[in-house]
Amino acid sequence: MPIIDIAIVKTHLADFVEKAATGEEFIIAMAGTPLAKLGPLVPIGRKKRRLGLLAEQMKVPADFDTPLPDHALDTFEGH
């Protein structure tokens, strides 16, 4: 992980933030002393969604969107 002096970071902050957003990480130092780390923001509590997780395990029937019979609709509507 590269160590960058704070004076350079201040001058080119937008460039470093853009690089951090794509996954790069940097150590920010002052007079050679590491002070902080700049890197990508990972949302807390959110995992990357895996599409197709249940592929081949579930099938949607061809008549999935056909209207329900009247007695089923009455039940859902509280009649």
PDB file of N, CA and C in Angstrom:
ATOM      1  N   MET A   1       0.852  -1.156   0.000  1.00  0.00           N
ATOM      2  CA  MET A   1       0.000   0.000   0.000  1.00  0.00           C
ATOM      3  C   MET A   1       0.912   1.237   0.000  1.00  0.00           C
ATOM      4  N   PRO A   2       0.732   2.119  -0.981  1.00  0.00           N
ATOM      5  CA  PRO A   2       1.618   3.287  -1.075  1.00  0.00           C
ATOM      6  C   PRO A   2       1.399   4.281   0.063  1.00  0.00           C
ATOM      7  N   ILE A   3       2.479   4.897   0.494  1.00  0.00           N
ATOM      8  CA  ILE A   3       2.422   5.949   1.505  1.00  0.00           C
ATOM      9  C   ILE A   3       2.573   7.283   0.777  1.00  0.00           C
ATOM     10  N   ILE A   4       1.577   8.162   0.959  1.00  0.00           N
ATOM     11  CA  ILE A   4       1.529   9.446   0.260  1.00  0.00           C
ATOM     12  C   ILE A   4       1.586  10.573   1.296  1.00  0.00           C
ATOM     13  N   ASP A   5       2.420  11.574   1.046  1.00  0.00           N
ATOM     14  CA  ASP A   5       2.504  12.719   1.947  1.00  0.00           C
ATOM     15  C   ASP A   5       1.222  13.546   1.859  1.00  0.00           C
ATOM     16  N   ILE A   6       0.800  14.067   2.987  1.00  0.00           N
ATOM     17  CA  ILE A   6      -0.462  14.795   3.060  1.00  0.00           C
ATOM     18  C   ILE A   6      -0.494  16.011   2.132  1.00  0.00           C
ATOM     19  N   ALA A   7       0.645  16.639   1.889  1.00  0.00           N
ATOM     20  CA  ALA A   7       0.679  17.789   0.987  1.00  0.00           C
ATOM     21  C   ALA A   7       0.280  17.382  -0.435  1.00  0.00           C
ATOM     22  N   ILE A   8       0.706  16.199  -0.871  1.00  0.00           N
ATOM     23  CA  ILE A   8       0.339  15.707  -2.196  1.00  0.00           C
ATOM     24  C   ILE A   8      -1.144  15.344  -2.231  1.00  0.00           C
ATOM     25  N   VAL A   9      -1.618  14.733  -1.153  1.00  0.00           N
ATOM     26  CA  VAL A   9      -3.034  14.364  -1.081  1.00  0.00           C
ATOM     27  C   VAL A   9      -3.912  15.618  -1.126  1.00  0.00           C
ATOM     28  N   LYS A  10      -3.517  16.660  -0.406  1.00  0.00           N
ATOM     29  CA  LYS A  10      -4.294  17.900  -0.408  1.00  0.00           C
ATOM     30  C   LYS A  10      -4.368  18.508  -1.808  1.00  0.00           C
ATOM     31  N   THR A  11      -3.281  18.423  -2.538  1.00  0.00           N
ATOM     32  CA  THR A  11      -3.233  19.001  -3.882  1.00  0.00           C
ATOM     33  C   THR A  11      -4.062  18.190  -4.887  1.00  0.00           C
ATOM     34  N   HIS A  12      -4.099  16.876  -4.698  1.00  0.00           N
ATOM     35  CA  HIS A  12      -4.751  15.979  -5.672  1.00  0.00           C
ATOM     36  C   HIS A  12      -5.835  15.124  -5.012  1.00  0.00           C
ATOM     37  N   LEU A  13      -6.553  15.699  -4.064  1.00  0.00           N
ATOM     38  CA  LEU A  13      -7.534  14.929  -3.296  1.00  0.00           C
ATOM     39  C   LEU A  13      -8.564  14.237  -4.189  1.00  0.00           C
ATOM     40  N   ALA A  14      -9.118  14.929  -5.156  1.00  0.00           N
ATOM     41  CA  ALA A  14     -10.148  14.338  -6.019  1.00  0.00           C
ATOM     42  C   ALA A  14      -9.618  13.101  -6.741  1.00  0.00           C
ATOM     43  N   ASP A  15      -8.358  13.151  -7.184  1.00  0.00           N
ATOM     44  CA  ASP A  15      -7.762  12.001  -7.870  1.00  0.00           C
ATOM     45  C   ASP A  15      -7.641  10.807  -6.934  1.00  0.00           C
ATOM     46  N   PHE A  16      -7.182  11.058  -5.690  1.00  0.00           N
ATOM     47  CA  PHE A  16      -7.022   9.964  -4.738  1.00  0.00           C
ATOM     48  C   PHE A  16      -8.366   9.370  -4.319  1.00  0.00           C
ATOM     49  N   VAL A  17      -9.367  10.221  -4.152  1.00  0.00           N
ATOM     50  CA  VAL A  17     -10.699   9.724  -3.799  1.00  0.00           C
ATOM     51  C   VAL A  17     -11.264   8.868  -4.930  1.00  0.00           C
ATOM     52  N   GLU A  18     -11.079   9.296  -6.152  1.00  0.00           N
ATOM     53  CA  GLU A  18     -11.554   8.520  -7.300  1.00  0.00           C
ATOM     54  C   GLU A  18     -10.873   7.150  -7.350  1.00  0.00           C
ATOM     55  N   LYS A  19      -9.565   7.125  -7.120  1.00  0.00           N
ATOM     56  CA  LYS A  19      -8.839   5.852  -7.114  1.00  0.00           C
ATOM     57  C   LYS A  19      -9.294   4.970  -5.953  1.00  0.00           C
ATOM     58  N   ALA A  20      -9.537   5.575  -4.794  1.00  0.00           N
ATOM     59  CA  ALA A  20      -9.997   4.815  -3.634  1.00  0.00           C
ATOM     60  C   ALA A  20     -11.367   4.199  -3.903  1.00  0.00           C
ATOM     61  N   ALA A  21     -12.217   4.928  -4.591  1.00  0.00           N
ATOM     62  CA  ALA A  21     -13.553   4.422  -4.895  1.00  0.00           C
ATOM     63  C   ALA A  21     -13.506   3.185  -5.786  1.00  0.00           C
ATOM     64  N   THR A  22     -12.425   3.024  -6.553  1.00  0.00           N
ATOM     65  CA  THR A  22     -12.296   1.852  -7.418  1.00  0.00           C
ATOM     66  C   THR A  22     -11.567   0.703  -6.737  1.00  0.00           C
ATOM     67  N   GLY A  23     -11.183   0.899  -5.453  1.00  0.00           N
ATOM     68  CA  GLY A  23     -10.594  -0.209  -4.707  1.00  0.00           C
ATOM     69  C   GLY A  23      -9.165   0.007  -4.235  1.00  0.00           C
ATOM     70  N   GLU A  24      -8.501   1.053  -4.692  1.00  0.00           N
ATOM     71  CA  GLU A  24      -7.122   1.280  -4.253  1.00  0.00           C
ATOM     72  C   GLU A  24      -7.115   1.824  -2.824  1.00  0.00           C
ATOM     73  N   GLU A  25      -6.034   1.538  -2.089  1.00  0.00           N
ATOM     74  CA  GLU A  25      -5.874   2.031  -0.737  1.00  0.00           C
ATOM     75  C   GLU A  25      -4.548   2.773  -0.622  1.00  0.00           C
ATOM     76  N   PHE A  26      -4.545   3.817   0.216  1.00  0.00           N
ATOM     77  CA  PHE A  26      -3.359   4.639   0.405  1.00  0.00           C
ATOM     78  C   PHE A  26      -3.180   4.931   1.887  1.00  0.00           C
ATOM     79  N   ILE A  27      -1.934   5.038   2.325  1.00  0.00           N
ATOM     80  CA  ILE A  27      -1.615   5.525   3.658  1.00  0.00           C
ATOM     81  C   ILE A  27      -1.232   6.991   3.502  1.00  0.00           C
ATOM     82  N   ILE A  28      -1.864   7.848   4.294  1.00  0.00           N
ATOM     83  CA  ILE A  28      -1.544   9.271   4.268  1.00  0.00           C
ATOM     84  C   ILE A  28      -0.609   9.556   5.427  1.00  0.00           C
ATOM     85  N   ALA A  29       0.516  10.217   5.118  1.00  0.00           N
ATOM     86  CA  ALA A  29       1.535  10.483   6.128  1.00  0.00           C
ATOM     87  C   ALA A  29       1.869  11.967   6.177  1.00  0.00           C
ATOM     88  N   MET A  30       2.372  12.389   7.343  1.00  0.00           N
ATOM     89  CA  MET A  30       2.871  13.753   7.491  1.00  0.00           C
ATOM     90  C   MET A  30       4.300  13.641   8.009  1.00  0.00           C
ATOM     91  N   ALA A  31       5.238  14.191   7.260  1.00  0.00           N
ATOM     92  CA  ALA A  31       6.659  14.138   7.606  1.00  0.00           C
ATOM     93  C   ALA A  31       7.109  12.690   7.821  1.00  0.00           C
ATOM     94  N   GLY A  32       6.562  11.784   6.998  1.00  0.00           N
ATOM     95  CA  GLY A  32       6.964  10.386   7.057  1.00  0.00           C
ATOM     96  C   GLY A  32       6.246   9.553   8.104  1.00  0.00           C
ATOM     97  N   THR A  33       5.396  10.169   8.917  1.00  0.00           N
ATOM     98  CA  THR A  33       4.652   9.442   9.948  1.00  0.00           C
ATOM     99  C   THR A  33       3.255   9.110   9.432  1.00  0.00           C
ATOM    100  N   PRO A  34       2.914   7.824   9.333  1.00  0.00           N
ATOM    101  CA  PRO A  34       1.573   7.442   8.867  1.00  0.00           C
ATOM    102  C   PRO A  34       0.490   7.982   9.805  1.00  0.00           C
ATOM    103  N   LEU A  35      -0.551   8.577   9.221  1.00  0.00           N
ATOM    104  CA  LEU A  35      -1.628   9.167  10.008  1.00  0.00           C
ATOM    105  C   LEU A  35      -2.989   8.532   9.749  1.00  0.00           C
ATOM    106  N   ALA A  36      -3.245   8.205   8.496  1.00  0.00           N
ATOM    107  CA  ALA A  36      -4.583   7.725   8.134  1.00  0.00           C
ATOM    108  C   ALA A  36      -4.496   6.835   6.912  1.00  0.00           C
ATOM    109  N   LYS A  37      -5.603   6.116   6.691  1.00  0.00           N
ATOM    110  CA  LYS A  37      -5.683   5.255   5.510  1.00  0.00           C
ATOM    111  C   LYS A  37      -6.882   5.707   4.688  1.00  0.00           C
ATOM    112  N   LEU A  38      -6.694   5.807   3.387  1.00  0.00           N
ATOM    113  CA  LEU A  38      -7.772   6.152   2.464  1.00  0.00           C
ATOM    114  C   LEU A  38      -8.037   4.937   1.588  1.00  0.00           C
ATOM    115  N   GLY A  39      -9.295   4.510   1.554  1.00  0.00           N
ATOM    116  CA  GLY A  39      -9.646   3.344   0.755  1.00  0.00           C
ATOM    117  C   GLY A  39     -11.113   3.366   0.402  1.00  0.00           C
ATOM    118  N   PRO A  40     -11.572   2.307  -0.250  1.00  0.00           N
ATOM    119  CA  PRO A  40     -12.962   2.254  -0.681  1.00  0.00           C
ATOM    120  C   PRO A  40     -13.912   2.151   0.505  1.00  0.00           C
ATOM    121  N   LEU A  41     -15.071   2.745   0.363  1.00  0.00           N
ATOM    122  CA  LEU A  41     -16.096   2.670   1.390  1.00  0.00           C
ATOM    123  C   LEU A  41     -16.904   1.398   1.184  1.00  0.00           C
ATOM    124  N   VAL A  42     -17.000   0.593   2.225  1.00  0.00           N
ATOM    125  CA  VAL A  42     -17.783  -0.637   2.163  1.00  0.00           C
ATOM    126  C   VAL A  42     -19.031  -0.415   3.011  1.00  0.00           C
ATOM    127  N   PRO A  43     -20.216  -0.441   2.399  1.00  0.00           N
ATOM    128  CA  PRO A  43     -21.435  -0.225   3.178  1.00  0.00           C
ATOM    129  C   PRO A  43     -21.553  -1.235   4.318  1.00  0.00           C
ATOM    130  N   ILE A  44     -21.844  -0.759   5.507  1.00  0.00           N
ATOM    131  CA  ILE A  44     -21.972  -1.621   6.684  1.00  0.00           C
ATOM    132  C   ILE A  44     -23.294  -2.358   6.620  1.00  0.00           C
ATOM    133  N   GLY A  45     -23.252  -3.654   6.861  1.00  0.00           N
ATOM    134  CA  GLY A  45     -24.460  -4.448   6.913  1.00  0.00           C
ATOM    135  C   GLY A  45     -25.024  -4.860   5.569  1.00  0.00           C
ATOM    136  N   ARG A  46     -24.382  -4.524   4.496  1.00  0.00           N
ATOM    137  CA  ARG A  46     -24.873  -4.919   3.175  1.00  0.00           C
ATOM    138  C   ARG A  46     -23.864  -5.837   2.526  1.00  0.00           C
ATOM    139  N   LYS A  47     -24.342  -6.957   2.105  1.00  0.00           N
ATOM    140  CA  LYS A  47     -23.501  -7.896   1.380  1.00  0.00           C
ATOM    141  C   LYS A  47     -23.813  -7.798  -0.099  1.00  0.00           C
ATOM    142  N   LYS A  48     -22.848  -8.136  -0.898  1.00  0.00           N
ATOM    143  CA  LYS A  48     -23.068  -8.135  -2.336  1.00  0.00           C
ATOM    144  C   LYS A  48     -24.089  -9.218  -2.674  1.00  0.00           C
ATOM    145  N   ARG A  49     -25.075  -8.857  -3.480  1.00  0.00           N
ATOM    146  CA  ARG A  49     -26.114  -9.810  -3.854  1.00  0.00           C
ATOM    147  C   ARG A  49     -25.601 -10.771  -4.911  1.00  0.00           C
ATOM    148  N   ARG A  50     -25.900 -12.030  -4.701  1.00  0.00           N
ATOM    149  CA  ARG A  50     -25.561 -13.046  -5.696  1.00  0.00           C
ATOM    150  C   ARG A  50     -26.803 -13.341  -6.512  1.00  0.00           C
ATOM    151  N   LEU A  51     -26.767 -13.010  -7.777  1.00  0.00           N
ATOM    152  CA  LEU A  51     -27.894 -13.294  -8.646  1.00  0.00           C
ATOM    153  C   LEU A  51     -27.910 -14.770  -9.014  1.00  0.00           C
ATOM    154  N   GLY A  52     -29.092 -15.315  -9.112  1.00  0.00           N
ATOM    155  CA  GLY A  52     -29.221 -16.710  -9.507  1.00  0.00           C
ATOM    156  C   GLY A  52     -28.942 -17.685  -8.382  1.00  0.00           C
ATOM    157  N   LEU A  53     -29.069 -17.227  -7.139  1.00  0.00           N
ATOM    158  CA  LEU A  53     -28.759 -18.061  -5.983  1.00  0.00           C
ATOM    159  C   LEU A  53     -29.579 -19.357  -5.968  1.00  0.00           C
ATOM    160  N   LEU A  54     -30.832 -19.284  -6.378  1.00  0.00           N
ATOM    161  CA  LEU A  54     -31.703 -20.463  -6.364  1.00  0.00           C
ATOM    162  C   LEU A  54     -31.949 -21.029  -7.765  1.00  0.00           C
ATOM    163  N   ALA A  55     -31.095 -20.664  -8.699  1.00  0.00           N
ATOM    164  CA  ALA A  55     -31.247 -21.179 -10.058  1.00  0.00           C
ATOM    165  C   ALA A  55     -31.242 -22.706 -10.038  1.00  0.00           C
ATOM    166  N   GLU A  56     -32.106 -23.286 -10.814  1.00  0.00           N
ATOM    167  CA  GLU A  56     -32.252 -24.735 -10.929  1.00  0.00           C
ATOM    168  C   GLU A  56     -32.859 -25.376  -9.682  1.00  0.00           C
ATOM    169  N   GLN A  57     -33.157 -24.599  -8.641  1.00  0.00           N
ATOM    170  CA  GLN A  57     -33.777 -25.153  -7.437  1.00  0.00           C
ATOM    171  C   GLN A  57     -35.270 -24.823  -7.379  1.00  0.00           C
ATOM    172  N   MET A  58     -35.655 -23.779  -8.081  1.00  0.00           N
ATOM    173  CA  MET A  58     -37.055 -23.366  -8.088  1.00  0.00           C
ATOM    174  C   MET A  58     -37.495 -23.135  -9.523  1.00  0.00           C
ATOM    175  N   LYS A  59     -38.737 -23.434  -9.786  1.00  0.00           N
ATOM    176  CA  LYS A  59     -39.315 -23.190 -11.104  1.00  0.00           C
ATOM    177  C   LYS A  59     -40.587 -22.366 -10.916  1.00  0.00           C
ATOM    178  N   VAL A  60     -40.773 -21.365 -11.748  1.00  0.00           N
ATOM    179  CA  VAL A  60     -41.997 -20.571 -11.732  1.00  0.00           C
ATOM    180  C   VAL A  60     -42.952 -21.224 -12.723  1.00  0.00           C
ATOM    181  N   PRO A  61     -44.140 -21.620 -12.246  1.00  0.00           N
ATOM    182  CA  PRO A  61     -45.079 -22.277 -13.150  1.00  0.00           C
ATOM    183  C   PRO A  61     -45.535 -21.337 -14.264  1.00  0.00           C
ATOM    184  N   ALA A  62     -45.888 -21.901 -15.382  1.00  0.00           N
ATOM    185  CA  ALA A  62     -46.314 -21.114 -16.545  1.00  0.00           C
ATOM    186  C   ALA A  62     -47.576 -20.308 -16.245  1.00  0.00           C
ATOM    187  N   ASP A  63     -48.429 -20.799 -15.343  1.00  0.00           N
ATOM    188  CA  ASP A  63     -49.681 -20.102 -15.029  1.00  0.00           C
ATOM    189  C   ASP A  63     -49.560 -19.221 -13.786  1.00  0.00           C
ATOM    190  N   PHE A  64     -48.357 -18.805 -13.440  1.00  0.00           N
ATOM    191  CA  PHE A  64     -48.088 -18.035 -12.232  1.00  0.00           C
ATOM    192  C   PHE A  64     -48.940 -16.762 -12.144  1.00  0.00           C
ATOM    193  N   ASP A  65     -49.116 -16.082 -13.242  1.00  0.00           N
ATOM    194  CA  ASP A  65     -49.812 -14.792 -13.203  1.00  0.00           C
ATOM    195  C   ASP A  65     -51.285 -14.855 -13.621  1.00  0.00           C
ATOM    196  N   THR A  66     -51.865 -16.041 -13.651  1.00  0.00           N
ATOM    197  CA  THR A  66     -53.296 -16.139 -13.964  1.00  0.00           C
ATOM    198  C   THR A  66     -54.094 -15.677 -12.745  1.00  0.00           C
ATOM    199  N   PRO A  67     -55.257 -15.090 -12.972  1.00  0.00           N
ATOM    200  CA  PRO A  67     -56.067 -14.599 -11.847  1.00  0.00           C
ATOM    201  C   PRO A  67     -56.447 -15.732 -10.884  1.00  0.00           C
ATOM    202  N   LEU A  68     -56.505 -15.391  -9.611  1.00  0.00           N
ATOM    203  CA  LEU A  68     -56.908 -16.367  -8.596  1.00  0.00           C
ATOM    204  C   LEU A  68     -58.412 -16.602  -8.676  1.00  0.00           C
ATOM    205  N   PRO A  69     -58.863 -17.777  -8.225  1.00  0.00           N
ATOM    206  CA  PRO A  69     -60.308 -18.026  -8.190  1.00  0.00           C
ATOM    207  C   PRO A  69     -60.987 -17.056  -7.209  1.00  0.00           C
ATOM    208  N   ASP A  70     -62.284 -16.826  -7.399  1.00  0.00           N
ATOM    209  CA  ASP A  70     -63.015 -15.870  -6.575  1.00  0.00           C
ATOM    210  C   ASP A  70     -62.925 -16.181  -5.085  1.00  0.00           C
ATOM    211  N   HIS A  71     -63.006 -17.467  -4.698  1.00  0.00           N
ATOM    212  CA  HIS A  71     -62.970 -17.792  -3.274  1.00  0.00           C
ATOM    213  C   HIS A  71     -61.604 -17.443  -2.655  1.00  0.00           C
ATOM    214  N   ALA A  72     -60.523 -17.566  -3.413  1.00  0.00           N
ATOM    215  CA  ALA A  72     -59.201 -17.195  -2.902  1.00  0.00           C
ATOM    216  C   ALA A  72     -59.094 -15.677  -2.769  1.00  0.00           C
ATOM    217  N   LEU A  73     -59.601 -14.927  -3.743  1.00  0.00           N
ATOM    218  CA  LEU A  73     -59.589 -13.476  -3.663  1.00  0.00           C
ATOM    219  C   LEU A  73     -60.421 -12.993  -2.477  1.00  0.00           C
ATOM    220  N   ASP A  74     -61.579 -13.618  -2.256  1.00  0.00           N
ATOM    221  CA  ASP A  74     -62.426 -13.249  -1.116  1.00  0.00           C
ATOM    222  C   ASP A  74     -61.682 -13.449   0.195  1.00  0.00           C
ATOM    223  N   THR A  75     -60.929 -14.524   0.312  1.00  0.00           N
ATOM    224  CA  THR A  75     -60.163 -14.801   1.528  1.00  0.00           C
ATOM    225  C   THR A  75     -59.105 -13.718   1.762  1.00  0.00           C
ATOM    226  N   PHE A  76     -58.377 -13.343   0.706  1.00  0.00           N
ATOM    227  CA  PHE A  76     -57.354 -12.304   0.842  1.00  0.00           C
ATOM    228  C   PHE A  76     -57.970 -10.952   1.205  1.00  0.00           C
ATOM    229  N   GLU A  77     -59.166 -10.702   0.683  1.00  0.00           N
ATOM    230  CA  GLU A  77     -59.814  -9.415   0.924  1.00  0.00           C
ATOM    231  C   GLU A  77     -60.639  -9.410   2.195  1.00  0.00           C
ATOM    232  N   GLY A  78     -60.643 -10.507   2.929  1.00  0.00           N
ATOM    233  CA  GLY A  78     -61.340 -10.573   4.216  1.00  0.00           C
ATOM    234  C   GLY A  78     -62.834 -10.737   4.135  1.00  0.00           C
ATOM    235  N   HIS A  79     -63.342 -11.304   3.047  1.00  0.00           N
ATOM    236  CA  HIS A  79     -64.797 -11.505   2.892  1.00  0.00           C
ATOM    237  C   HIS A  79     -65.177 -12.893   3.331  1.00  0.00           C
TER     238      HIS A  79
END
